[in-house]
PDB file of all heavy atoms in Angstrom:
ATOM      1  N   GLY A   1       5.493   2.888  -6.972  1.00  0.00           N
ATOM      2  CA  GLY A   1       4.771   1.869  -7.684  1.00  0.00           C
ATOM      3  C   GLY A   1       4.500   0.613  -6.875  1.00  0.00           C
ATOM      4  O   GLY A   1       3.655  -0.221  -7.239  1.00  0.00           O
ATOM      5  N   GLU A   2       5.230   0.448  -5.755  1.00  0.00           N
ATOM      6  CA  GLU A   2       5.027  -0.725  -4.913  1.00  0.00           C
ATOM      7  C   GLU A   2       3.887  -0.447  -3.910  1.00  0.00           C
ATOM      8  O   GLU A   2       3.631   0.702  -3.574  1.00  0.00           O
ATOM      9  CB  GLU A   2       6.286  -1.079  -4.164  1.00  0.00           C
ATOM     10  CG  GLU A   2       7.455  -1.472  -5.058  1.00  0.00           C
ATOM     11  CD  GLU A   2       8.705  -1.796  -4.267  1.00  0.00           C
ATOM     12  OE1 GLU A   2       8.579  -2.280  -3.120  1.00  0.00           O
ATOM     13  OE2 GLU A   2       9.823  -1.546  -4.793  1.00  0.00           O
ATOM     14  N   PRO A   3       3.185  -1.480  -3.467  1.00  0.00           N
ATOM     15  CA  PRO A   3       2.041  -1.251  -2.569  1.00  0.00           C
ATOM     16  C   PRO A   3       2.483  -0.782  -1.172  1.00  0.00           C
ATOM     17  O   PRO A   3       3.468  -1.271  -0.614  1.00  0.00           O
ATOM     18  CB  PRO A   3       1.367  -2.617  -2.476  1.00  0.00           C
ATOM     19  CG  PRO A   3       2.452  -3.595  -2.804  1.00  0.00           C
ATOM     20  CD  PRO A   3       3.341  -2.921  -3.812  1.00  0.00           C
ATOM     21  N   CYS A   4       1.752   0.186  -0.647  1.00  0.00           N
ATOM     22  CA  CYS A   4       1.956   0.613   0.728  1.00  0.00           C
ATOM     23  C   CYS A   4       1.655  -0.574   1.632  1.00  0.00           C
ATOM     24  O   CYS A   4       0.651  -1.265   1.464  1.00  0.00           O
ATOM     25  CB  CYS A   4       1.009   1.794   1.051  1.00  0.00           C
ATOM     26  SG  CYS A   4       0.941   2.247   2.800  1.00  0.00           S
ATOM     27  N   GLU A   5       2.517  -0.785   2.599  1.00  0.00           N
ATOM     28  CA  GLU A   5       2.347  -1.946   3.497  1.00  0.00           C
ATOM     29  C   GLU A   5       1.197  -1.781   4.469  1.00  0.00           C
ATOM     30  O   GLU A   5       0.769  -2.753   5.103  1.00  0.00           O
ATOM     31  CB  GLU A   5       3.647  -2.229   4.226  1.00  0.00           C
ATOM     32  CG  GLU A   5       4.772  -2.672   3.301  1.00  0.00           C
ATOM     33  CD  GLU A   5       5.975  -3.253   4.028  1.00  0.00           C
ATOM     34  OE1 GLU A   5       5.858  -3.481   5.265  1.00  0.00           O
ATOM     35  OE2 GLU A   5       6.995  -3.463   3.383  1.00  0.00           O
ATOM     36  N   SER A   6       0.660  -0.557   4.567  1.00  0.00           N
ATOM     37  CA  SER A   6      -0.483  -0.318   5.456  1.00  0.00           C
ATOM     38  C   SER A   6      -1.824  -0.459   4.747  1.00  0.00           C
ATOM     39  O   SER A   6      -2.740  -1.071   5.296  1.00  0.00           O
ATOM     40  CB  SER A   6      -0.386   1.059   6.089  1.00  0.00           C
ATOM     41  OG  SER A   6       0.746   1.155   6.923  1.00  0.00           O
ATOM     42  N   CYS A   7      -1.901   0.088   3.499  1.00  0.00           N
ATOM     43  CA  CYS A   7      -3.209   0.107   2.836  1.00  0.00           C
ATOM     44  C   CYS A   7      -3.205  -0.521   1.438  1.00  0.00           C
ATOM     45  O   CYS A   7      -4.262  -0.709   0.836  1.00  0.00           O
ATOM     46  CB  CYS A   7      -3.731   1.543   2.746  1.00  0.00           C
ATOM     47  SG  CYS A   7      -2.803   2.577   1.571  1.00  0.00           S
ATOM     48  N   GLY A   8      -2.033  -0.824   0.909  1.00  0.00           N
ATOM     49  CA  GLY A   8      -1.955  -1.453  -0.422  1.00  0.00           C
ATOM     50  C   GLY A   8      -1.942  -0.500  -1.587  1.00  0.00           C
ATOM     51  O   GLY A   8      -1.744  -0.918  -2.742  1.00  0.00           O
ATOM     52  N   THR A   9      -2.139   0.779  -1.357  1.00  0.00           N
ATOM     53  CA  THR A   9      -2.099   1.770  -2.443  1.00  0.00           C
ATOM     54  C   THR A   9      -0.677   1.944  -2.954  1.00  0.00           C
ATOM     55  O   THR A   9       0.269   1.989  -2.148  1.00  0.00           O
ATOM     56  CB  THR A   9      -2.613   3.132  -1.920  1.00  0.00           C
ATOM     57  OG1 THR A   9      -3.917   2.959  -1.372  1.00  0.00           O
ATOM     58  CG2 THR A   9      -2.652   4.160  -3.042  1.00  0.00           C
ATOM     59  N   PRO A  10      -0.488   2.020  -4.266  1.00  0.00           N
ATOM     60  CA  PRO A  10       0.888   2.200  -4.791  1.00  0.00           C
ATOM     61  C   PRO A  10       1.559   3.453  -4.244  1.00  0.00           C
ATOM     62  O   PRO A  10       0.939   4.545  -4.206  1.00  0.00           O
ATOM     63  CB  PRO A  10       0.677   2.281  -6.304  1.00  0.00           C
ATOM     64  CG  PRO A  10      -0.596   1.542  -6.562  1.00  0.00           C
ATOM     65  CD  PRO A  10      -1.457   1.861  -5.390  1.00  0.00           C
ATOM     66  N   ILE A  11       2.789   3.311  -3.828  1.00  0.00           N
ATOM     67  CA  ILE A  11       3.584   4.454  -3.371  1.00  0.00           C
ATOM     68  C   ILE A  11       3.864   5.374  -4.554  1.00  0.00           C
ATOM     69  O   ILE A  11       4.138   4.914  -5.655  1.00  0.00           O
ATOM     70  CB  ILE A  11       4.915   3.983  -2.751  1.00  0.00           C
ATOM     71  CG1 ILE A  11       4.672   3.143  -1.493  1.00  0.00           C
ATOM     72  CG2 ILE A  11       5.856   5.169  -2.436  1.00  0.00           C
ATOM     73  CD1 ILE A  11       4.117   3.902  -0.312  1.00  0.00           C
ATOM     74  N   ARG A  12       3.766   6.673  -4.331  1.00  0.00           N
ATOM     75  CA  ARG A  12       4.023   7.662  -5.379  1.00  0.00           C
ATOM     76  C   ARG A  12       5.346   8.385  -5.122  1.00  0.00           C
ATOM     77  O   ARG A  12       5.865   8.423  -4.022  1.00  0.00           O
ATOM     78  CB  ARG A  12       2.884   8.672  -5.432  1.00  0.00           C
ATOM     79  CG  ARG A  12       1.575   8.106  -5.922  1.00  0.00           C
ATOM     80  CD  ARG A  12       0.508   9.220  -6.039  1.00  0.00           C
ATOM     81  NE  ARG A  12      -0.772   8.662  -6.429  1.00  0.00           N
ATOM     82  CZ  ARG A  12      -1.889   9.380  -6.521  1.00  0.00           C
ATOM     83  NH1 ARG A  12      -1.836  10.693  -6.230  1.00  0.00           N
ATOM     84  NH2 ARG A  12      -3.013   8.819  -6.892  1.00  0.00           N
ATOM     85  N   ARG A  13       5.842   8.985  -6.207  1.00  0.00           N
ATOM     86  CA  ARG A  13       7.079   9.752  -6.136  1.00  0.00           C
ATOM     87  C   ARG A  13       6.836  11.170  -6.607  1.00  0.00           C
ATOM     88  O   ARG A  13       6.095  11.406  -7.574  1.00  0.00           O
ATOM     89  CB  ARG A  13       8.140   9.100  -7.038  1.00  0.00           C
ATOM     90  CG  ARG A  13       9.431   9.909  -7.195  1.00  0.00           C
ATOM     91  CD  ARG A  13      10.395   9.216  -8.169  1.00  0.00           C
ATOM     92  NE  ARG A  13      11.576  10.043  -8.437  1.00  0.00           N
ATOM     93  CZ  ARG A  13      11.652  10.965  -9.386  1.00  0.00           C
ATOM     94  NH1 ARG A  13      10.603  11.186 -10.188  1.00  0.00           N
ATOM     95  NH2 ARG A  13      12.759  11.659  -9.546  1.00  0.00           N
ATOM     96  N   LEU A  14       7.421  12.126  -5.918  1.00  0.00           N
ATOM     97  CA  LEU A  14       7.434  13.516  -6.386  1.00  0.00           C
ATOM     98  C   LEU A  14       8.827  14.060  -6.117  1.00  0.00           C
ATOM     99  O   LEU A  14       9.594  13.486  -5.361  1.00  0.00           O
ATOM    100  CB  LEU A  14       6.336  14.359  -5.725  1.00  0.00           C
ATOM    101  CG  LEU A  14       6.342  14.558  -4.206  1.00  0.00           C
ATOM    102  CD1 LEU A  14       7.254  15.695  -3.800  1.00  0.00           C
ATOM    103  CD2 LEU A  14       4.933  14.844  -3.717  1.00  0.00           C
ATOM    104  N   VAL A  15       9.141  15.199  -6.726  1.00  0.00           N
ATOM    105  CA  VAL A  15      10.450  15.814  -6.571  1.00  0.00           C
ATOM    106  C   VAL A  15      10.283  17.097  -5.765  1.00  0.00           C
ATOM    107  O   VAL A  15       9.485  17.961  -6.108  1.00  0.00           O
ATOM    108  CB  VAL A  15      11.098  16.118  -7.929  1.00  0.00           C
ATOM    109  CG1 VAL A  15      12.442  16.822  -7.732  1.00  0.00           C
ATOM    110  CG2 VAL A  15      11.308  14.823  -8.703  1.00  0.00           C
ATOM    111  N   GLN A  16      11.052  17.191  -4.692  1.00  0.00           N
ATOM    112  CA  GLN A  16      11.052  18.383  -3.852  1.00  0.00           C
ATOM    113  C   GLN A  16      12.486  18.864  -3.696  1.00  0.00           C
ATOM    114  O   GLN A  16      13.342  18.097  -3.239  1.00  0.00           O
ATOM    115  CB  GLN A  16      10.483  18.076  -2.456  1.00  0.00           C
ATOM    116  CG  GLN A  16       8.988  17.851  -2.405  1.00  0.00           C
ATOM    117  CD  GLN A  16       8.535  17.570  -0.991  1.00  0.00           C
ATOM    118  OE1 GLN A  16       8.871  16.528  -0.436  1.00  0.00           O
ATOM    119  NE2 GLN A  16       7.793  18.486  -0.427  1.00  0.00           N
ATOM    120  N   GLY A  17      12.731  20.073  -4.075  1.00  0.00           N
ATOM    121  CA  GLY A  17      14.095  20.621  -3.940  1.00  0.00           C
ATOM    122  C   GLY A  17      15.140  19.788  -4.658  1.00  0.00           C
ATOM    123  O   GLY A  17      16.261  19.682  -4.172  1.00  0.00           O
ATOM    124  N   GLY A  18      14.778  19.203  -5.765  1.00  0.00           N
ATOM    125  CA  GLY A  18      15.716  18.407  -6.552  1.00  0.00           C
ATOM    126  C   GLY A  18      15.922  16.990  -6.038  1.00  0.00           C
ATOM    127  O   GLY A  18      16.741  16.254  -6.577  1.00  0.00           O
ATOM    128  N   ARG A  19      15.181  16.586  -5.012  1.00  0.00           N
ATOM    129  CA  ARG A  19      15.316  15.251  -4.424  1.00  0.00           C
ATOM    130  C   ARG A  19      14.021  14.467  -4.576  1.00  0.00           C
ATOM    131  O   ARG A  19      12.916  15.019  -4.488  1.00  0.00           O
ATOM    132  CB  ARG A  19      15.687  15.345  -2.940  1.00  0.00           C
ATOM    133  CG  ARG A  19      17.033  15.970  -2.672  1.00  0.00           C
ATOM    134  CD  ARG A  19      17.191  16.189  -1.173  1.00  0.00           C
ATOM    135  NE  ARG A  19      18.476  16.809  -0.877  1.00  0.00           N
ATOM    136  CZ  ARG A  19      19.524  16.137  -0.435  1.00  0.00           C
ATOM    137  NH1 ARG A  19      19.461  14.847  -0.264  1.00  0.00           N
ATOM    138  NH2 ARG A  19      20.652  16.768  -0.161  1.00  0.00           N
ATOM    139  N   SER A  20      14.144  13.174  -4.755  1.00  0.00           N
ATOM    140  CA  SER A  20      12.966  12.313  -4.855  1.00  0.00           C
ATOM    141  C   SER A  20      12.342  12.117  -3.493  1.00  0.00           C
ATOM    142  O   SER A  20      13.026  11.882  -2.505  1.00  0.00           O
ATOM    143  CB  SER A  20      13.344  10.959  -5.422  1.00  0.00           C
ATOM    144  OG  SER A  20      13.766  11.067  -6.777  1.00  0.00           O
ATOM    145  N   THR A  21      11.021  12.248  -3.453  1.00  0.00           N
ATOM    146  CA  THR A  21      10.240  12.014  -2.235  1.00  0.00           C
ATOM    147  C   THR A  21       9.206  10.942  -2.535  1.00  0.00           C
ATOM    148  O   THR A  21       8.597  10.938  -3.612  1.00  0.00           O
ATOM    149  CB  THR A  21       9.545  13.317  -1.789  1.00  0.00           C
ATOM    150  OG1 THR A  21      10.515  14.264  -1.428  1.00  0.00           O
ATOM    151  CG2 THR A  21       8.644  13.069  -0.598  1.00  0.00           C
ATOM    152  N   TYR A  22       8.975  10.049  -1.586  1.00  0.00           N
ATOM    153  CA  TYR A  22       8.055   8.950  -1.771  1.00  0.00           C
ATOM    154  C   TYR A  22       7.000   9.019  -0.665  1.00  0.00           C
ATOM    155  O   TYR A  22       7.328   9.267   0.498  1.00  0.00           O
ATOM    156  CB  TYR A  22       8.803   7.616  -1.739  1.00  0.00           C
ATOM    157  CG  TYR A  22       9.917   7.529  -2.756  1.00  0.00           C
ATOM    158  CD1 TYR A  22      11.181   8.025  -2.478  1.00  0.00           C
ATOM    159  CD2 TYR A  22       9.679   7.024  -4.026  1.00  0.00           C
ATOM    160  CE1 TYR A  22      12.195   7.969  -3.421  1.00  0.00           C
ATOM    161  CE2 TYR A  22      10.684   6.958  -4.984  1.00  0.00           C
ATOM    162  CZ  TYR A  22      11.939   7.444  -4.665  1.00  0.00           C
ATOM    163  OH  TYR A  22      12.951   7.409  -5.622  1.00  0.00           O
ATOM    164  N   TYR A  23       5.735   8.744  -1.057  1.00  0.00           N
ATOM    165  CA  TYR A  23       4.658   8.853  -0.062  1.00  0.00           C
ATOM    166  C   TYR A  23       3.467   8.004  -0.527  1.00  0.00           C
ATOM    167  O   TYR A  23       3.357   7.626  -1.689  1.00  0.00           O
ATOM    168  CB  TYR A  23       4.239  10.298   0.108  1.00  0.00           C
ATOM    169  CG  TYR A  23       3.528  10.876  -1.107  1.00  0.00           C
ATOM    170  CD1 TYR A  23       2.143  10.962  -1.149  1.00  0.00           C
ATOM    171  CD2 TYR A  23       4.253  11.288  -2.221  1.00  0.00           C
ATOM    172  CE1 TYR A  23       1.488  11.445  -2.281  1.00  0.00           C
ATOM    173  CE2 TYR A  23       3.598  11.778  -3.351  1.00  0.00           C
ATOM    174  CZ  TYR A  23       2.239  11.852  -3.376  1.00  0.00           C
ATOM    175  OH  TYR A  23       1.607  12.306  -4.482  1.00  0.00           O
ATOM    176  N   CYS A  24       2.586   7.702   0.440  1.00  0.00           N
ATOM    177  CA  CYS A  24       1.341   7.011   0.158  1.00  0.00           C
ATOM    178  C   CYS A  24       0.235   8.050   0.057  1.00  0.00           C
ATOM    179  O   CYS A  24       0.000   8.801   1.012  1.00  0.00           O
ATOM    180  CB  CYS A  24       1.038   5.995   1.228  1.00  0.00           C
ATOM    181  SG  CYS A  24      -0.628   5.264   1.047  1.00  0.00           S
ATOM    182  N   PRO A  25      -0.468   8.133  -1.082  1.00  0.00           N
ATOM    183  CA  PRO A  25      -1.513   9.159  -1.236  1.00  0.00           C
ATOM    184  C   PRO A  25      -2.732   8.953  -0.349  1.00  0.00           C
ATOM    185  O   PRO A  25      -3.531   9.878  -0.171  1.00  0.00           O
ATOM    186  CB  PRO A  25      -1.880   9.038  -2.734  1.00  0.00           C
ATOM    187  CG  PRO A  25      -1.546   7.648  -3.092  1.00  0.00           C
ATOM    188  CD  PRO A  25      -0.326   7.306  -2.294  1.00  0.00           C
ATOM    189  N   VAL A  26      -2.873   7.766   0.240  1.00  0.00           N
ATOM    190  CA  VAL A  26      -3.992   7.484   1.138  1.00  0.00           C
ATOM    191  C   VAL A  26      -3.573   7.725   2.596  1.00  0.00           C
ATOM    192  O   VAL A  26      -4.249   8.447   3.337  1.00  0.00           O
ATOM    193  CB  VAL A  26      -4.518   6.069   0.946  1.00  0.00           C
ATOM    194  CG1 VAL A  26      -5.561   5.724   2.008  1.00  0.00           C
ATOM    195  CG2 VAL A  26      -5.101   5.886  -0.440  1.00  0.00           C
ATOM    196  N   CYS A  27      -2.472   7.127   2.989  1.00  0.00           N
ATOM    197  CA  CYS A  27      -2.021   7.261   4.397  1.00  0.00           C
ATOM    198  C   CYS A  27      -1.425   8.629   4.691  1.00  0.00           C
ATOM    199  O   CYS A  27      -1.384   9.048   5.849  1.00  0.00           O
ATOM    200  CB  CYS A  27      -0.965   6.191   4.685  1.00  0.00           C
ATOM    201  SG  CYS A  27      -1.581   4.495   4.582  1.00  0.00           S
TER     202      CYS A  27
END
């Protein structure tokens, strides 16, 4: 939910193998 420091797009969260993963959908 916080802005990516490179492009400003909100960081997203998904679950992989039972663990939280965070990524920028643009970068």
